[in-house]
Amino acid sequence: MAVDPLIGTRVGNYKVGSLLGAGGMAQVYRATHVEIGREAALKVLSHDVAAMPDAVRRFRVEAQAVNKINHPNIVQIFDFGVLPDERPYYLMELFTGESLAEHIRRVGAMPLSDTLVIADAVLDALDAAHRAKIIHRDLKPDNVFLARSSGRSDVKLLDFGIAKLLDDQPFDKTRTGSLLGTPSYMSPEQCEGRQSEIGPATDIYAVGCMLYEMLSGTLPFDAESLGGLLMQHMTTTPRPLLDRALGVPEPVSAIIMSCLAKRPEDRPASAGVLRNRLLPFLTQARTSELAATQHGDLPVGLPAPMIPAAAPRPATPATAVLPPTPAPPRAAPGATMRVRSRVPLAAGAIAIVAAATVVVLLLVTRRTRTPPAADASAIVAPSADAARPDAAIAAPPPIDAPVADAPSADAPPDARPTLEDRLMTLKRLCDDHTFSPEECKQRRKQILDEFNDPR
C-alpha cells in the first residue's frame, strides 16, 4: 500500500498526521501545531480537482464565506494556502462526533425536542449567513455536524463550497441553468436552474426537508430517478408530516410544511422568523420532558443534545451522541449507614415544618384577601413579544395548566381560589406565551364572569 507523501510533512506551522477522511474532491488530515500542540483539520483538494479552476474558486469561496459570517455554529477556517504541488488547502476546527446524517441513519425518527434544538442552532447560523449576503445552497444532514467537546455537544454547519455570495453575481450568471446542490434537498428554483431566484428562501426549503426527515425518518420526496425527484420538488405537494410523524403538534407540522412551499415568497420570510416561530415549541417540549421526569413518567437519562443545561430526558438511542451522565461518587459503607440512621429524624422534622407553614399560609390568606382591583384588566395585557407577527401561531397550552376552571359551589370558602389568585395565575401563563393573546382575553372574561355570578 502506497504511503501518503503528505503525512509527516509540515504545512505552515502544522505537522500533518493521519488521514481522517477522503472524498471525490478532497482529503482531510489531522494536523498538530508544532509549537503549542493545537490540533486542527487540514482539508486539501485532490490532484484532479485542483486542476479545475472552477473547483479551486469554490474552495476559496468557502473560506471567504465562513470568515465573513464568523458564527459559533459554523465551522471556523483560520488559514488558507497552496501546497508546493499547487493544491490549495485550508486549516479548520477539528471535531469529534458524527454528522446529522449518520445520527438519523442510526436512530431513525428523532424526538421533537432534539429536532428543534438542532434546528434552532442551524437557523441561527443561517440567519447570520443571510445577513452577510451568503446563501449556503447545499444544506443537508451530511453538512450538519454534531460535535462533542469538553463534555458538551454542539451543532456545526459545514461545507459552504457552493455558497452563493450575493455580491458576486458574475460567477452565477455564467452558470445559468446549472444544478448546484443535493437533489433530495433542492428547492424548486434550484431544480429548474433559476439562478436569479436563489436566495434565503432556498436555504429555508432545504431546512424544511431536513426537519421533515428528522421527525419522520423519511424524506418528503422520493423517486427512482433524478428526473422524477426533481419533478416532485417542482410540482408535487408532499404528504403531510402529520401522516408520517405521530405526536408532532399540528402547528409545528404547519410551520414545516410552509417551508416546503413551491414559491419562495410563500415560505417563512427569513431564517430568523422561522427560528422564532419554532422557539415556543422547543421551550414547551423541554418543559414537558422535565415535568414528566419529575413525576416519574420518564427515567432520568441524558440531556437533550446541544444544550448542556437542558432538562433530563430518556436514555434512548436518539441522544446517544452525548457522553453519559457521570454517576455520583459512592460513599463508604460506614458513611452510608450513618446517613440512613438520620433519615427518620430528618423526615419528621421536615413534616413538622411543612405543617406549620401550611397553617401560617392559610391564616395569612384569609386576612389578606381583597376585592378585585378596579384596573384588573391590566393584569392580562399582552406583552410586546406576544404582539409580534411571528407569534401568531401560539404553542398549545400544557395539559396541567387549567387556569379557567370554575370553583366548586360546595367547596369550603378557604379552599376556593380568590379572584386575584386566578388572575395572577393567568397573567403568568400569558406572559410565558402559554396562551395566545385572544385566549388570554377569553379566559380573563370567563374568570370575571364566574366571580360576578354567585351561582
Protein backbone atom coordinates (compact mmCIF):
# COMPACT_ATOMS: atom_id res chain seq x y z
CA MET A 1 0.00 0.00 0.00
CA ALA A 2 1.43 3.37 -1.03
CA VAL A 3 2.30 5.79 1.76
CA ASP A 4 0.62 9.22 1.56
CA PRO A 5 3.50 11.64 0.88
CA LEU A 6 1.76 14.44 2.78
CA ILE A 7 1.72 12.60 6.13
CA GLY A 8 4.61 13.68 8.35
CA THR A 9 5.33 16.91 6.44
CA ARG A 10 4.75 20.47 7.63
CA VAL A 11 2.10 22.79 6.27
CA GLY A 12 2.76 26.22 7.71
CA ASN A 13 3.11 25.79 11.46
CA TYR A 14 1.29 22.45 11.48
CA LYS A 15 2.60 18.90 11.11
CA VAL A 16 0.36 16.61 9.06
CA GLY A 17 -0.79 13.48 10.89
CA SER A 18 -3.23 10.75 9.98
CA LEU A 19 -5.80 10.80 7.20
CA LEU A 20 -9.27 11.41 8.68
CA GLY A 21 -11.32 11.03 5.53
CA ALA A 22 -11.28 11.25 1.75
CA GLY A 23 -13.90 12.02 -0.85
CA GLY A 24 -14.07 12.67 -4.57
CA MET A 25 -12.88 16.25 -4.21
CA ALA A 26 -10.62 16.48 -1.16
CA GLN A 27 -8.82 14.72 1.68
CA VAL A 28 -8.94 15.75 5.33
CA TYR A 29 -6.00 15.13 7.68
CA ARG A 30 -5.37 15.59 11.37
CA ALA A 31 -2.73 18.29 11.89
CA THR A 32 -0.94 19.50 15.02
CA HIS A 33 0.68 22.88 15.68
CA VAL A 34 4.38 22.15 16.24
CA GLU A 35 4.79 24.77 18.97
CA ILE A 36 1.60 24.89 21.01
CA GLY A 37 0.12 21.46 20.21
CA ARG A 38 -3.24 22.74 18.95
CA GLU A 39 -4.98 20.18 16.75
CA ALA A 40 -6.76 21.15 13.55
CA ALA A 41 -8.24 19.59 10.43
CA LEU A 42 -6.34 20.11 7.18
CA LYS A 43 -8.51 19.95 4.04
CA VAL A 44 -6.63 19.58 0.74
CA LEU A 45 -8.10 19.37 -2.76
CA SER A 46 -7.24 16.23 -4.69
CA HIS A 47 -4.82 16.47 -7.63
CA ASP A 48 -7.53 16.06 -10.27
CA VAL A 49 -9.86 18.63 -8.74
CA ALA A 50 -7.04 21.11 -8.13
CA ALA A 51 -6.56 21.24 -11.90
CA MET A 52 -10.11 22.60 -12.33
CA PRO A 53 -10.21 26.42 -11.95
CA ASP A 54 -13.91 26.42 -11.07
CA ALA A 55 -13.40 23.92 -8.24
CA VAL A 56 -10.47 25.92 -6.87
CA ARG A 57 -12.66 29.03 -6.94
CA ARG A 58 -15.39 27.29 -4.96
CA PHE A 59 -12.80 26.12 -2.44
CA ARG A 60 -11.66 29.69 -1.94
CA VAL A 61 -15.27 30.96 -1.79
CA GLU A 62 -15.93 28.58 1.10
CA ALA A 63 -13.05 30.00 3.14
CA GLN A 64 -14.12 33.57 2.36
CA ALA A 65 -17.78 32.90 3.19
CA VAL A 66 -17.05 31.24 6.54
CA ASN A 67 -14.65 34.02 7.54
CA LYS A 68 -17.23 36.67 6.59
CA ILE A 69 -20.02 35.09 8.67
CA ASN A 70 -17.95 34.28 11.79
CA HIS A 71 -20.67 32.42 13.73
CA PRO A 72 -20.10 29.89 16.55
CA ASN A 73 -22.37 27.31 14.86
CA ILE A 74 -20.36 27.47 11.61
CA VAL A 75 -17.04 25.67 11.30
CA GLN A 76 -14.16 28.12 11.66
CA ILE A 77 -11.45 28.28 8.95
CA PHE A 78 -8.30 30.02 10.18
CA ASP A 79 -5.69 29.52 7.44
CA PHE A 80 -5.64 29.15 3.65
CA GLY A 81 -2.77 28.46 1.28
CA VAL A 82 -1.30 26.40 -1.57
CA LEU A 83 0.96 23.35 -1.19
CA PRO A 84 4.23 23.02 -3.17
CA ASP A 85 2.38 20.68 -5.58
CA GLU A 86 -0.10 23.56 -6.24
CA ARG A 87 -3.02 22.02 -4.40
CA PRO A 88 -4.97 24.56 -2.30
CA TYR A 89 -5.68 23.80 1.35
CA TYR A 90 -7.20 25.34 4.42
CA LEU A 91 -6.98 24.63 8.15
CA MET A 92 -10.19 24.47 10.19
CA GLU A 93 -11.55 23.37 13.55
CA LEU A 94 -11.18 19.69 14.39
CA PHE A 95 -14.27 17.96 15.82
CA THR A 96 -15.21 14.60 17.23
CA GLY A 97 -18.76 13.34 16.91
CA GLU A 98 -20.97 12.43 13.97
CA SER A 99 -22.90 14.10 11.19
CA LEU A 100 -26.65 14.57 11.45
CA ALA A 101 -26.99 12.16 8.52
CA GLU A 102 -25.16 9.44 10.48
CA HIS A 103 -27.30 10.19 13.51
CA ILE A 104 -30.56 9.83 11.55
CA ARG A 105 -29.34 6.56 9.98
CA ARG A 106 -28.54 5.25 13.45
CA VAL A 107 -31.66 6.28 15.37
CA GLY A 108 -34.34 6.91 12.73
CA ALA A 109 -37.04 9.46 13.54
CA MET A 110 -35.89 11.86 16.26
CA PRO A 111 -37.80 13.29 19.26
CA LEU A 112 -39.32 16.73 18.80
CA SER A 113 -37.11 18.42 21.40
CA ASP A 114 -33.87 17.06 19.87
CA THR A 115 -35.00 18.10 16.40
CA LEU A 116 -35.90 21.63 17.48
CA VAL A 117 -32.63 22.10 19.39
CA ILE A 118 -30.63 21.27 16.26
CA ALA A 119 -32.93 23.37 14.06
CA ASP A 120 -32.53 26.33 16.41
CA ALA A 121 -28.73 26.27 16.04
CA VAL A 122 -28.86 25.76 12.25
CA LEU A 123 -31.34 28.59 11.77
CA ASP A 124 -29.32 30.94 13.96
CA ALA A 125 -26.24 30.23 11.81
CA LEU A 126 -28.25 30.62 8.59
CA ASP A 127 -29.71 33.92 9.75
CA ALA A 128 -26.16 35.23 10.28
CA ALA A 129 -25.10 33.93 6.85
CA HIS A 130 -28.06 35.51 5.09
CA ARG A 131 -27.46 38.85 6.80
CA ALA A 132 -23.90 38.61 5.46
CA LYS A 133 -25.46 38.08 1.99
CA ILE A 134 -24.32 34.44 1.74
CA ILE A 135 -26.62 31.58 0.68
CA HIS A 136 -25.44 28.06 1.54
CA ARG A 137 -27.29 26.26 -1.31
CA ASP A 138 -26.34 22.74 -0.15
CA LEU A 139 -27.97 22.28 3.24
CA LYS A 140 -28.45 18.63 4.15
CA PRO A 141 -27.84 16.37 7.18
CA ASP A 142 -24.37 15.48 5.86
CA ASN A 143 -23.39 19.15 6.25
CA VAL A 144 -24.60 19.45 9.85
CA PHE A 145 -22.14 18.03 12.38
CA LEU A 146 -22.99 17.10 15.97
CA ALA A 147 -19.67 17.88 17.60
CA ARG A 148 -18.62 16.74 21.08
CA SER A 149 -16.13 18.74 23.10
CA SER A 150 -15.35 19.07 26.82
CA GLY A 151 -18.39 17.11 27.95
CA ARG A 152 -20.90 19.03 25.85
CA SER A 153 -22.29 18.80 22.37
CA ASP A 154 -22.71 21.49 19.75
CA VAL A 155 -24.07 21.94 16.23
CA LYS A 156 -21.70 22.96 13.44
CA LEU A 157 -22.75 23.89 9.92
CA LEU A 158 -20.24 22.72 7.29
CA ASP A 159 -19.38 22.93 3.60
CA PHE A 160 -20.00 26.35 2.10
CA GLY A 161 -18.19 25.11 -1.02
CA ILE A 162 -21.00 26.09 -3.39
CA ALA A 163 -22.21 29.03 -1.34
CA LYS A 164 -23.61 31.92 -3.31
CA LEU A 165 -22.21 35.33 -2.40
CA LEU A 166 -24.98 37.70 -3.38
CA ASP A 167 -22.44 40.41 -4.15
CA ASP A 168 -20.69 38.06 -6.61
CA GLN A 169 -23.27 37.90 -9.40
CA PRO A 170 -20.98 37.37 -12.44
CA PHE A 171 -19.97 33.91 -11.22
CA ASP A 172 -23.58 32.72 -11.17
CA LYS A 173 -24.57 34.39 -14.45
CA THR A 174 -22.06 32.22 -16.29
CA ARG A 175 -23.79 29.12 -14.89
CA THR A 176 -27.40 29.82 -15.80
CA GLY A 177 -29.41 26.59 -15.85
CA SER A 178 -26.80 24.54 -13.96
CA LEU A 179 -27.81 22.39 -11.00
CA LEU A 180 -25.89 23.05 -7.78
CA GLY A 181 -26.95 21.22 -4.64
CA THR A 182 -28.10 17.80 -3.43
CA PRO A 183 -31.32 16.69 -5.23
CA SER A 184 -33.17 15.40 -2.14
CA TYR A 185 -32.97 18.85 -0.53
CA MET A 186 -33.07 21.16 -3.56
CA SER A 187 -35.73 23.85 -3.84
CA PRO A 188 -37.95 24.12 -6.94
CA GLU A 189 -35.96 27.14 -8.15
CA GLN A 190 -32.74 25.11 -7.89
CA CYS A 191 -34.30 22.14 -9.68
CA GLU A 192 -35.33 24.40 -12.57
CA GLY A 193 -31.95 26.16 -12.66
CA ARG A 194 -33.47 29.59 -11.96
CA GLN A 195 -30.25 31.03 -10.53
CA SER A 196 -31.58 34.58 -10.26
CA GLU A 197 -34.28 33.40 -7.81
CA ILE A 198 -31.90 31.64 -5.43
CA GLY A 199 -31.87 33.43 -2.08
CA PRO A 200 -32.55 32.88 1.63
CA ALA A 201 -35.82 31.07 0.82
CA THR A 202 -33.74 28.42 -0.99
CA ASP A 203 -31.98 27.50 2.25
CA ILE A 204 -35.28 27.59 4.17
CA TYR A 205 -36.71 24.99 1.76
CA ALA A 206 -33.73 22.71 2.49
CA VAL A 207 -34.27 23.20 6.24
CA GLY A 208 -37.89 22.14 5.75
CA CYS A 209 -36.74 18.93 4.05
CA MET A 210 -34.31 18.26 6.90
CA LEU A 211 -36.92 18.88 9.63
CA TYR A 212 -39.37 16.61 7.81
CA GLU A 213 -36.74 13.87 7.65
CA MET A 214 -35.61 14.30 11.28
CA LEU A 215 -39.14 13.97 12.68
CA SER A 216 -40.45 11.25 10.35
CA GLY A 217 -37.31 9.32 9.41
CA THR A 218 -38.18 9.75 5.73
CA LEU A 219 -37.67 12.45 3.11
CA PRO A 220 -40.65 14.46 1.82
CA PHE A 221 -39.92 13.28 -1.74
CA ASP A 222 -38.52 10.04 -3.11
CA ALA A 223 -38.23 8.78 -6.70
CA GLU A 224 -36.35 6.11 -8.63
CA SER A 225 -34.72 8.60 -10.97
CA LEU A 226 -33.11 12.01 -10.68
CA GLY A 227 -35.62 13.48 -13.16
CA GLY A 228 -38.55 12.10 -11.18
CA LEU A 229 -37.16 13.53 -7.94
CA LEU A 230 -36.63 16.98 -9.44
CA MET A 231 -40.14 16.91 -10.90
CA GLN A 232 -41.63 16.12 -7.49
CA HIS A 233 -39.85 19.09 -5.93
CA MET A 234 -41.23 21.32 -8.68
CA THR A 235 -44.82 20.07 -8.95
CA THR A 236 -45.86 17.67 -6.15
CA THR A 237 -47.22 18.56 -2.73
CA PRO A 238 -45.52 16.34 -0.15
CA ARG A 239 -47.51 14.04 2.08
CA PRO A 240 -48.44 15.93 5.30
CA LEU A 241 -45.88 15.49 8.04
CA LEU A 242 -48.68 14.61 10.49
CA ASP A 243 -49.32 11.42 8.47
CA ARG A 244 -45.72 10.26 8.93
CA ALA A 245 -44.70 11.65 12.32
CA LEU A 246 -47.24 10.81 15.01
CA GLY A 247 -47.17 13.07 18.03
CA VAL A 248 -45.84 16.15 16.27
CA PRO A 249 -48.03 19.15 17.20
CA GLU A 250 -50.18 20.33 14.33
CA PRO A 251 -48.80 23.92 14.45
CA VAL A 252 -45.24 22.56 14.18
CA SER A 253 -46.25 20.46 11.18
CA ALA A 254 -47.87 23.51 9.57
CA ILE A 255 -44.70 25.57 10.04
CA ILE A 256 -42.52 22.86 8.48
CA MET A 257 -44.89 22.34 5.57
CA SER A 258 -44.82 26.10 4.91
CA CYS A 259 -41.05 25.80 4.39
CA LEU A 260 -41.77 23.39 1.52
CA ALA A 261 -43.96 25.82 -0.43
CA LYS A 262 -43.22 25.80 -4.15
CA ARG A 263 -42.96 29.60 -4.42
CA PRO A 264 -40.13 31.24 -2.44
CA GLU A 265 -42.39 34.09 -1.34
CA ASP A 266 -44.78 31.61 0.35
CA ARG A 267 -42.08 30.30 2.70
CA PRO A 268 -41.15 31.96 6.03
CA ALA A 269 -39.69 35.39 5.34
CA SER A 270 -36.28 34.63 6.86
CA ALA A 271 -34.34 32.10 8.91
CA GLY A 272 -34.80 34.38 11.92
CA VAL A 273 -38.59 34.42 11.50
CA LEU A 274 -38.68 30.62 11.18
CA ARG A 275 -36.50 30.24 14.27
CA ASN A 276 -38.82 32.49 16.32
CA ARG A 277 -41.87 30.51 15.22
CA LEU A 278 -40.33 27.22 16.37
CA LEU A 279 -38.80 28.53 19.61
CA PRO A 280 -42.01 28.35 21.76
CA PHE A 281 -42.41 24.68 20.86
CA LEU A 282 -38.79 23.96 21.79
CA THR A 283 -39.34 25.59 25.18
CA GLN A 284 -42.57 23.67 25.72
CA ALA A 285 -41.08 20.32 24.64
CA ARG A 286 -38.20 20.68 27.08
CA THR A 287 -40.55 21.81 29.88
CA SER A 288 -42.85 18.82 29.25
CA GLU A 289 -39.91 16.42 29.38
CA LEU A 290 -38.70 17.96 32.64
CA ALA A 291 -42.18 17.67 34.18
CA ALA A 292 -42.52 14.06 33.01
CA THR A 293 -39.15 13.20 34.54
CA GLN A 294 -40.00 14.87 37.85
CA HIS A 295 -43.30 12.99 38.04
CA GLY A 296 -41.63 9.67 37.31
CA ASP A 297 -43.12 9.22 33.85
CA LEU A 298 -39.69 9.19 32.24
CA PRO A 299 -36.42 7.74 33.54
CA VAL A 300 -33.62 10.20 34.19
CA GLY A 301 -31.18 9.90 31.30
CA LEU A 302 -29.11 12.04 29.00
CA PRO A 303 -29.76 15.75 28.48
CA ALA A 304 -31.18 16.98 25.19
CA PRO A 305 -28.35 17.29 22.65
CA MET A 306 -26.55 20.58 22.05
CA ILE A 307 -27.71 22.26 25.30
CA PRO A 308 -25.64 21.25 28.34
CA ALA A 309 -28.18 22.63 30.84
CA ALA A 310 -31.20 21.08 29.12
CA ALA A 311 -33.80 19.10 31.02
CA PRO A 312 -33.06 15.37 31.53
CA ARG A 313 -34.65 13.04 29.01
CA PRO A 314 -34.83 9.25 28.46
CA ALA A 315 -31.62 7.41 27.67
CA THR A 316 -32.72 6.45 24.15
CA PRO A 317 -30.51 5.96 21.08
CA ALA A 318 -31.67 9.39 19.82
CA THR A 319 -29.43 11.11 22.37
CA ALA A 320 -26.54 8.67 22.27
CA VAL A 321 -24.31 11.31 20.69
CA LEU A 322 -23.72 12.75 24.15
CA PRO A 323 -21.45 11.34 26.86
CA PRO A 324 -23.35 9.56 29.65
CA THR A 325 -24.08 11.47 32.84
CA PRO A 326 -21.40 10.54 35.41
CA ALA A 327 -22.61 8.50 38.37
CA PRO A 328 -22.49 10.17 41.79
CA PRO A 329 -19.50 9.25 43.98
CA ARG A 330 -20.13 6.16 46.12
CA ALA A 331 -19.92 6.77 49.84
CA ALA A 332 -18.01 4.48 52.17
CA PRO A 333 -20.14 1.74 53.88
CA GLY A 334 -19.87 3.38 57.30
CA ALA A 335 -20.94 6.74 55.97
CA THR A 336 -23.95 5.17 54.26
CA MET A 337 -25.16 3.62 57.50
CA ARG A 338 -24.82 6.91 59.38
CA VAL A 339 -26.81 8.78 56.72
CA ARG A 340 -29.59 6.20 56.75
CA SER A 341 -29.86 6.36 60.54
CA ARG A 342 -30.67 10.08 60.31
CA VAL A 343 -33.38 9.72 57.64
CA PRO A 344 -36.37 9.13 60.03
CA LEU A 345 -35.38 12.12 62.20
CA ALA A 346 -34.93 14.39 59.18
CA ALA A 347 -38.25 13.29 57.68
CA GLY A 348 -40.09 14.00 60.95
CA ALA A 349 -38.57 17.47 61.22
CA ILE A 350 -39.49 18.29 57.63
CA ALA A 351 -43.09 17.15 58.20
CA ILE A 352 -43.47 19.38 61.28
CA VAL A 353 -42.07 22.41 59.46
CA ALA A 354 -44.32 21.78 56.44
CA ALA A 355 -47.45 21.53 58.61
CA ALA A 356 -46.63 24.75 60.42
CA THR A 357 -46.02 26.52 57.10
CA VAL A 358 -49.43 25.44 55.76
CA VAL A 359 -51.24 26.77 58.87
CA VAL A 360 -49.48 30.13 58.62
CA LEU A 361 -50.25 30.47 54.92
CA LEU A 362 -53.95 29.72 55.48
CA LEU A 363 -54.18 32.38 58.18
CA VAL A 364 -52.37 34.97 56.06
CA THR A 365 -54.53 34.19 53.02
CA ARG A 366 -57.77 34.69 54.96
CA ARG A 367 -56.64 38.00 56.44
CA THR A 368 -55.19 39.47 53.23
CA ARG A 369 -57.93 38.52 50.80
CA THR A 370 -59.00 41.71 48.99
CA PRO A 371 -61.75 42.56 46.50
CA PRO A 372 -60.79 42.75 42.81
CA ALA A 373 -58.97 45.93 41.79
CA ALA A 374 -60.74 48.38 39.51
CA ASP A 375 -58.00 48.15 36.88
CA ALA A 376 -57.80 44.32 36.87
CA SER A 377 -57.81 44.36 33.07
CA ALA A 378 -54.13 45.39 33.12
CA ILE A 379 -53.21 42.01 34.56
CA VAL A 380 -53.54 40.15 31.27
CA ALA A 381 -52.39 42.82 28.85
CA PRO A 382 -50.37 41.02 26.15
CA SER A 383 -46.64 41.63 26.28
CA ALA A 384 -44.65 43.21 23.45
CA ASP A 385 -43.29 39.80 22.48
CA ALA A 386 -46.80 38.34 22.24
CA ALA A 387 -47.78 41.04 19.73
CA ARG A 388 -45.02 40.15 17.28
CA PRO A 389 -46.20 38.98 13.83
CA ASP A 390 -44.17 35.78 14.14
CA ALA A 391 -46.01 34.86 17.35
CA ALA A 392 -49.30 34.28 15.54
CA ILE A 393 -49.02 30.51 15.95
CA ALA A 394 -49.16 30.02 19.70
CA ALA A 395 -47.77 26.97 21.47
CA PRO A 396 -50.60 24.68 22.65
CA PRO A 397 -51.29 25.05 26.41
CA PRO A 398 -49.76 22.43 28.74
CA ILE A 399 -52.21 19.75 29.88
CA ASP A 400 -51.51 20.53 33.52
CA ALA A 401 -52.34 24.26 33.33
CA PRO A 402 -56.18 24.59 33.60
CA VAL A 403 -56.40 28.17 34.90
CA ALA A 404 -60.04 28.84 33.94
CA ASP A 405 -61.74 26.07 35.94
CA ALA A 406 -64.71 27.46 37.87
CA PRO A 407 -64.57 26.97 41.69
CA SER A 408 -66.83 24.22 43.01
CA ALA A 409 -70.03 25.61 44.53
CA ASP A 410 -69.84 23.29 47.55
CA ALA A 411 -66.12 23.83 48.18
CA PRO A 412 -65.20 25.34 51.57
CA PRO A 413 -64.65 29.13 51.27
CA ASP A 414 -61.00 28.89 52.31
CA ALA A 415 -60.33 26.17 49.72
CA ARG A 416 -61.64 28.23 46.79
CA PRO A 417 -59.07 30.44 44.97
CA THR A 418 -59.64 34.17 45.10
CA LEU A 419 -60.17 36.26 42.01
CA GLU A 420 -56.72 37.75 42.47
CA ASP A 421 -55.15 34.26 42.71
CA ARG A 422 -56.72 33.12 39.46
CA LEU A 423 -55.97 36.32 37.56
CA MET A 424 -52.32 36.28 38.68
CA THR A 425 -52.01 32.63 37.58
CA LEU A 426 -53.47 33.55 34.20
CA LYS A 427 -51.09 36.51 33.89
CA ARG A 428 -48.04 34.27 34.45
CA LEU A 429 -49.20 31.82 31.77
CA CYS A 430 -49.95 34.64 29.34
CA ASP A 431 -46.54 36.22 29.96
CA ASP A 432 -44.95 32.86 29.15
CA HIS A 433 -46.98 32.73 25.88
CA THR A 434 -48.73 29.52 27.02
CA PHE A 435 -51.95 31.04 25.64
CA SER A 436 -52.41 33.33 22.68
CA PRO A 437 -53.48 36.95 23.36
CA GLU A 438 -57.02 36.12 22.25
CA GLU A 439 -57.18 33.11 24.58
CA CYS A 440 -55.90 35.27 27.45
CA LYS A 441 -58.74 37.76 26.90
CA GLN A 442 -61.36 34.98 26.73
CA ARG A 443 -60.07 33.24 29.87
CA ARG A 444 -59.91 36.52 31.83
CA LYS A 445 -63.52 37.32 30.86
CA GLN A 446 -64.59 33.83 31.87
CA ILE A 447 -62.93 34.20 35.30
CA LEU A 448 -64.52 37.61 35.91
CA ASP A 449 -67.94 36.33 34.82
CA GLU A 450 -67.74 33.38 37.21
CA PHE A 451 -66.90 35.58 40.19
CA ASN A 452 -69.55 38.16 39.29
CA ASP A 453 -72.21 35.43 39.09
CA PRO A 454 -72.54 33.84 42.58
CA ARG A 455 -74.31 30.83 41.10
